[in-house]
Amino acid sequence: MYAIVEIGGKQYKVEKGMSIDIEKVKAEANSTLTIDKVLMVVDGENVSVGKPYVSGASIKASVVGEVKGKKVLGVKFKKRKNYTRTVGHRPLFLTLKIDELSA
């Protein structure tokens, strides 16, 4: 059984026991999140597709902690001015462990 959920404007495929890294949202470590924006639930042969969300479906996930992602690089450049600058940052992600899928 798996589900497609929307978190922070992005879509993720989740299964029970799986851990995912999502963009940082306001949540404390060792707390639980309930995700109600479930787009699709697949349970063997049964497929439920929402319009836009599946009614009555929810995902319970526990917050493991924060991690930093890989460095994202960008370049500032002005032609004919001999100006080039490399800028970058490491975005923060929140690690979730999926505890329960309920349809």
N, C-alpha and C. Protein backbone atom coordinates (compact mmCIF):
# COMPACT_ATOMS: atom_id res chain seq x y z
N MET A 1 0.85 -1.17 0.00
CA MET A 1 0.00 0.00 0.00
C MET A 1 0.89 1.24 0.00
N TYR A 2 0.60 2.16 -0.91
CA TYR A 2 1.33 3.42 -0.93
C TYR A 2 0.37 4.56 -1.27
N ALA A 3 0.87 5.77 -1.07
CA ALA A 3 0.05 6.95 -1.32
C ALA A 3 0.90 8.05 -1.92
N ILE A 4 0.26 8.94 -2.66
CA ILE A 4 0.90 10.14 -3.18
C ILE A 4 0.34 11.31 -2.37
N VAL A 5 1.24 12.05 -1.70
CA VAL A 5 0.82 13.16 -0.86
C VAL A 5 1.44 14.46 -1.34
N GLU A 6 0.82 15.56 -0.96
CA GLU A 6 1.33 16.89 -1.29
C GLU A 6 1.76 17.56 0.00
N ILE A 7 3.05 17.92 0.05
CA ILE A 7 3.60 18.60 1.22
C ILE A 7 4.41 19.79 0.71
N GLY A 8 4.02 20.98 1.09
CA GLY A 8 4.76 22.17 0.70
C GLY A 8 4.78 22.41 -0.80
N GLY A 9 3.71 22.04 -1.49
CA GLY A 9 3.62 22.27 -2.92
C GLY A 9 4.34 21.23 -3.76
N LYS A 10 4.92 20.21 -3.14
CA LYS A 10 5.60 19.14 -3.86
C LYS A 10 4.91 17.82 -3.56
N GLN A 11 5.04 16.87 -4.48
CA GLN A 11 4.39 15.58 -4.33
C GLN A 11 5.42 14.51 -3.99
N TYR A 12 5.04 13.62 -3.06
CA TYR A 12 5.91 12.55 -2.61
C TYR A 12 5.14 11.23 -2.61
N LYS A 13 5.83 10.16 -2.98
CA LYS A 13 5.26 8.82 -2.88
C LYS A 13 5.72 8.24 -1.56
N VAL A 14 4.77 7.84 -0.69
CA VAL A 14 5.11 7.36 0.65
C VAL A 14 4.53 5.98 0.88
N GLU A 15 5.26 5.20 1.67
CA GLU A 15 4.82 3.89 2.12
C GLU A 15 5.07 3.81 3.62
N LYS A 16 4.45 2.86 4.28
CA LYS A 16 4.62 2.71 5.73
C LYS A 16 6.06 2.29 6.03
N GLY A 17 6.66 2.93 7.03
CA GLY A 17 8.03 2.62 7.43
C GLY A 17 9.09 3.37 6.65
N MET A 18 8.69 4.13 5.66
CA MET A 18 9.63 4.86 4.81
C MET A 18 10.00 6.19 5.47
N SER A 19 11.20 6.69 5.20
CA SER A 19 11.57 8.02 5.68
C SER A 19 11.84 8.91 4.48
N ILE A 20 11.35 10.16 4.54
CA ILE A 20 11.50 11.10 3.44
C ILE A 20 12.04 12.42 3.97
N ASP A 21 12.72 13.16 3.11
CA ASP A 21 13.20 14.49 3.42
C ASP A 21 12.31 15.49 2.68
N ILE A 22 11.67 16.38 3.44
CA ILE A 22 10.81 17.39 2.86
C ILE A 22 11.39 18.76 3.15
N GLU A 23 10.90 19.78 2.45
CA GLU A 23 11.34 21.13 2.75
C GLU A 23 10.92 21.50 4.16
N LYS A 24 11.70 22.35 4.77
CA LYS A 24 11.51 22.69 6.18
C LYS A 24 10.13 23.29 6.43
N VAL A 25 9.40 22.69 7.38
CA VAL A 25 8.14 23.23 7.86
C VAL A 25 8.26 23.38 9.38
N LYS A 26 7.35 24.13 9.98
CA LYS A 26 7.42 24.36 11.42
C LYS A 26 6.96 23.10 12.15
N ALA A 27 7.90 22.38 12.72
CA ALA A 27 7.61 21.19 13.51
C ALA A 27 8.80 20.92 14.41
N GLU A 28 8.53 20.41 15.59
CA GLU A 28 9.59 20.12 16.54
C GLU A 28 10.01 18.66 16.39
N ALA A 29 11.25 18.38 16.83
CA ALA A 29 11.75 17.01 16.78
C ALA A 29 10.93 16.14 17.73
N ASN A 30 10.79 14.88 17.40
CA ASN A 30 10.04 13.88 18.17
C ASN A 30 8.56 14.23 18.31
N SER A 31 8.00 14.96 17.36
CA SER A 31 6.57 15.22 17.34
C SER A 31 5.95 14.47 16.16
N THR A 32 4.64 14.54 16.04
CA THR A 32 3.98 13.84 14.94
C THR A 32 3.26 14.86 14.05
N LEU A 33 3.20 14.55 12.77
CA LEU A 33 2.48 15.36 11.79
C LEU A 33 1.38 14.52 11.17
N THR A 34 0.24 15.15 10.91
CA THR A 34 -0.83 14.50 10.19
C THR A 34 -0.98 15.21 8.85
N ILE A 35 -0.87 14.46 7.78
CA ILE A 35 -0.93 15.01 6.43
C ILE A 35 -2.27 14.62 5.83
N ASP A 36 -3.10 15.63 5.52
CA ASP A 36 -4.43 15.38 4.98
C ASP A 36 -4.51 15.54 3.47
N LYS A 37 -3.49 16.11 2.86
CA LYS A 37 -3.50 16.35 1.42
C LYS A 37 -3.01 15.11 0.68
N VAL A 38 -3.86 14.10 0.64
CA VAL A 38 -3.54 12.83 -0.03
C VAL A 38 -4.17 12.86 -1.41
N LEU A 39 -3.34 12.76 -2.44
CA LEU A 39 -3.82 12.84 -3.82
C LEU A 39 -4.28 11.50 -4.36
N MET A 40 -3.61 10.40 -3.94
CA MET A 40 -3.95 9.08 -4.46
C MET A 40 -3.54 8.02 -3.45
N VAL A 41 -4.36 6.98 -3.33
CA VAL A 41 -4.05 5.84 -2.46
C VAL A 41 -4.17 4.57 -3.29
N VAL A 42 -3.13 3.73 -3.24
CA VAL A 42 -3.14 2.46 -3.97
C VAL A 42 -2.98 1.34 -2.95
N ASP A 43 -3.97 0.44 -2.91
CA ASP A 43 -3.95 -0.70 -2.00
C ASP A 43 -4.19 -1.96 -2.84
N GLY A 44 -3.10 -2.52 -3.37
CA GLY A 44 -3.22 -3.70 -4.22
C GLY A 44 -3.92 -3.35 -5.52
N GLU A 45 -5.12 -3.91 -5.73
CA GLU A 45 -5.89 -3.65 -6.94
C GLU A 45 -6.74 -2.39 -6.82
N ASN A 46 -7.00 -1.94 -5.59
CA ASN A 46 -7.86 -0.78 -5.36
C ASN A 46 -7.06 0.52 -5.48
N VAL A 47 -7.53 1.41 -6.34
CA VAL A 47 -6.88 2.70 -6.54
C VAL A 47 -7.92 3.79 -6.29
N SER A 48 -7.60 4.71 -5.36
CA SER A 48 -8.48 5.84 -5.08
C SER A 48 -7.77 7.12 -5.49
N VAL A 49 -8.39 7.86 -6.40
CA VAL A 49 -7.82 9.12 -6.88
C VAL A 49 -8.74 10.24 -6.42
N GLY A 50 -8.15 11.28 -5.82
CA GLY A 50 -8.94 12.38 -5.30
C GLY A 50 -9.18 13.46 -6.33
N LYS A 51 -10.17 14.31 -6.03
CA LYS A 51 -10.49 15.45 -6.90
C LYS A 51 -10.58 16.69 -6.04
N PRO A 52 -9.59 17.37 -5.61
CA PRO A 52 -8.16 17.09 -5.77
C PRO A 52 -7.60 16.15 -4.73
N TYR A 53 -8.28 15.99 -3.56
CA TYR A 53 -7.75 15.15 -2.49
C TYR A 53 -8.72 14.01 -2.19
N VAL A 54 -8.18 12.90 -1.71
CA VAL A 54 -8.99 11.75 -1.32
C VAL A 54 -9.64 12.07 0.02
N SER A 55 -10.96 11.99 0.09
CA SER A 55 -11.66 12.32 1.33
C SER A 55 -11.50 11.17 2.33
N GLY A 56 -11.21 11.53 3.57
CA GLY A 56 -11.06 10.54 4.63
C GLY A 56 -9.69 9.89 4.72
N ALA A 57 -8.79 10.21 3.83
CA ALA A 57 -7.46 9.62 3.85
C ALA A 57 -6.49 10.56 4.58
N SER A 58 -5.60 9.97 5.36
CA SER A 58 -4.60 10.78 6.06
C SER A 58 -3.36 9.94 6.31
N ILE A 59 -2.26 10.63 6.52
CA ILE A 59 -0.97 10.00 6.78
C ILE A 59 -0.47 10.52 8.11
N LYS A 60 -0.01 9.62 8.97
CA LYS A 60 0.61 10.03 10.23
C LYS A 60 2.11 9.77 10.11
N ALA A 61 2.89 10.83 10.42
CA ALA A 61 4.34 10.73 10.31
C ALA A 61 4.98 11.33 11.56
N SER A 62 6.10 10.76 11.97
CA SER A 62 6.84 11.31 13.11
C SER A 62 8.07 12.04 12.60
N VAL A 63 8.39 13.15 13.26
CA VAL A 63 9.52 13.98 12.87
C VAL A 63 10.79 13.39 13.48
N VAL A 64 11.77 13.09 12.63
CA VAL A 64 13.03 12.53 13.10
C VAL A 64 14.00 13.66 13.44
N GLY A 65 14.13 14.64 12.56
CA GLY A 65 15.04 15.75 12.81
C GLY A 65 15.28 16.56 11.55
N GLU A 66 16.24 17.49 11.65
CA GLU A 66 16.61 18.34 10.53
C GLU A 66 17.93 17.87 9.94
N VAL A 67 18.06 18.01 8.64
CA VAL A 67 19.31 17.72 7.95
C VAL A 67 19.56 18.81 6.93
N LYS A 68 20.83 19.00 6.57
CA LYS A 68 21.17 19.94 5.51
C LYS A 68 21.34 19.16 4.22
N GLY A 69 20.86 19.74 3.12
CA GLY A 69 20.97 19.11 1.82
C GLY A 69 22.31 19.40 1.18
N LYS A 70 22.45 18.96 -0.06
CA LYS A 70 23.66 19.24 -0.82
C LYS A 70 23.72 20.72 -1.16
N LYS A 71 24.92 21.23 -1.38
CA LYS A 71 25.10 22.64 -1.67
C LYS A 71 24.49 22.99 -3.02
N VAL A 72 23.71 24.08 -3.04
CA VAL A 72 23.11 24.60 -4.26
C VAL A 72 23.95 25.80 -4.68
N LEU A 73 24.49 25.75 -5.90
CA LEU A 73 25.37 26.81 -6.38
C LEU A 73 24.65 27.68 -7.40
N GLY A 74 24.99 28.96 -7.36
CA GLY A 74 24.48 29.91 -8.34
C GLY A 74 25.63 30.81 -8.75
N VAL A 75 25.48 31.48 -9.88
CA VAL A 75 26.55 32.34 -10.39
C VAL A 75 25.96 33.69 -10.72
N LYS A 76 26.65 34.73 -10.24
CA LYS A 76 26.32 36.10 -10.64
C LYS A 76 27.35 36.50 -11.69
N PHE A 77 26.89 37.11 -12.76
CA PHE A 77 27.77 37.38 -13.89
C PHE A 77 27.31 38.63 -14.62
N LYS A 78 28.26 39.50 -14.94
CA LYS A 78 27.96 40.67 -15.76
C LYS A 78 28.93 40.68 -16.94
N LYS A 79 28.38 40.64 -18.14
CA LYS A 79 29.25 40.56 -19.31
C LYS A 79 30.01 41.88 -19.51
N ARG A 80 31.20 41.74 -20.02
CA ARG A 80 32.09 42.85 -20.35
C ARG A 80 32.48 43.71 -19.15
N LYS A 81 32.21 43.28 -17.94
CA LYS A 81 32.55 44.07 -16.76
C LYS A 81 33.57 43.34 -15.88
N ASN A 82 34.01 42.16 -16.32
CA ASN A 82 34.96 41.33 -15.57
C ASN A 82 34.45 41.06 -14.15
N TYR A 83 33.14 40.72 -14.06
CA TYR A 83 32.53 40.45 -12.76
C TYR A 83 31.91 39.06 -12.80
N THR A 84 32.40 38.18 -11.96
CA THR A 84 31.85 36.84 -11.79
C THR A 84 31.92 36.51 -10.31
N ARG A 85 30.82 35.99 -9.78
CA ARG A 85 30.79 35.64 -8.37
C ARG A 85 29.98 34.37 -8.21
N THR A 86 30.50 33.43 -7.43
CA THR A 86 29.80 32.19 -7.15
C THR A 86 29.16 32.30 -5.77
N VAL A 87 27.87 32.03 -5.71
CA VAL A 87 27.15 32.07 -4.44
C VAL A 87 26.50 30.70 -4.23
N GLY A 88 26.28 30.34 -2.99
CA GLY A 88 25.66 29.05 -2.72
C GLY A 88 25.13 28.96 -1.31
N HIS A 89 24.31 27.96 -1.07
CA HIS A 89 23.79 27.70 0.27
C HIS A 89 23.40 26.23 0.36
N ARG A 90 23.21 25.77 1.60
CA ARG A 90 22.75 24.41 1.84
C ARG A 90 21.36 24.49 2.46
N PRO A 91 20.33 24.05 1.74
CA PRO A 91 18.97 24.17 2.26
C PRO A 91 18.71 23.18 3.40
N LEU A 92 17.81 23.57 4.32
CA LEU A 92 17.42 22.69 5.42
C LEU A 92 16.25 21.82 5.01
N PHE A 93 16.30 20.55 5.40
CA PHE A 93 15.22 19.61 5.15
C PHE A 93 14.77 19.01 6.47
N LEU A 94 13.53 18.58 6.53
CA LEU A 94 12.97 17.92 7.69
C LEU A 94 12.80 16.44 7.33
N THR A 95 13.32 15.55 8.16
CA THR A 95 13.20 14.12 7.91
C THR A 95 11.97 13.58 8.63
N LEU A 96 11.08 12.94 7.87
CA LEU A 96 9.87 12.34 8.41
C LEU A 96 9.92 10.83 8.25
N LYS A 97 9.40 10.11 9.25
CA LYS A 97 9.25 8.66 9.16
C LYS A 97 7.75 8.38 9.13
N ILE A 98 7.29 7.71 8.08
CA ILE A 98 5.87 7.44 7.90
C ILE A 98 5.46 6.31 8.83
N ASP A 99 4.50 6.59 9.72
CA ASP A 99 4.05 5.60 10.69
C ASP A 99 2.79 4.86 10.25
N GLU A 100 1.86 5.59 9.67
CA GLU A 100 0.55 4.98 9.38
C GLU A 100 -0.08 5.60 8.15
N LEU A 101 -0.67 4.75 7.31
CA LEU A 101 -1.45 5.19 6.15
C LEU A 101 -2.88 4.75 6.40
N SER A 102 -3.80 5.71 6.41
CA SER A 102 -5.21 5.34 6.60
C SER A 102 -6.02 5.87 5.45
N ALA A 103 -6.80 5.00 4.86
CA ALA A 103 -7.64 5.42 3.72
C ALA A 103 -9.04 5.46 4.21
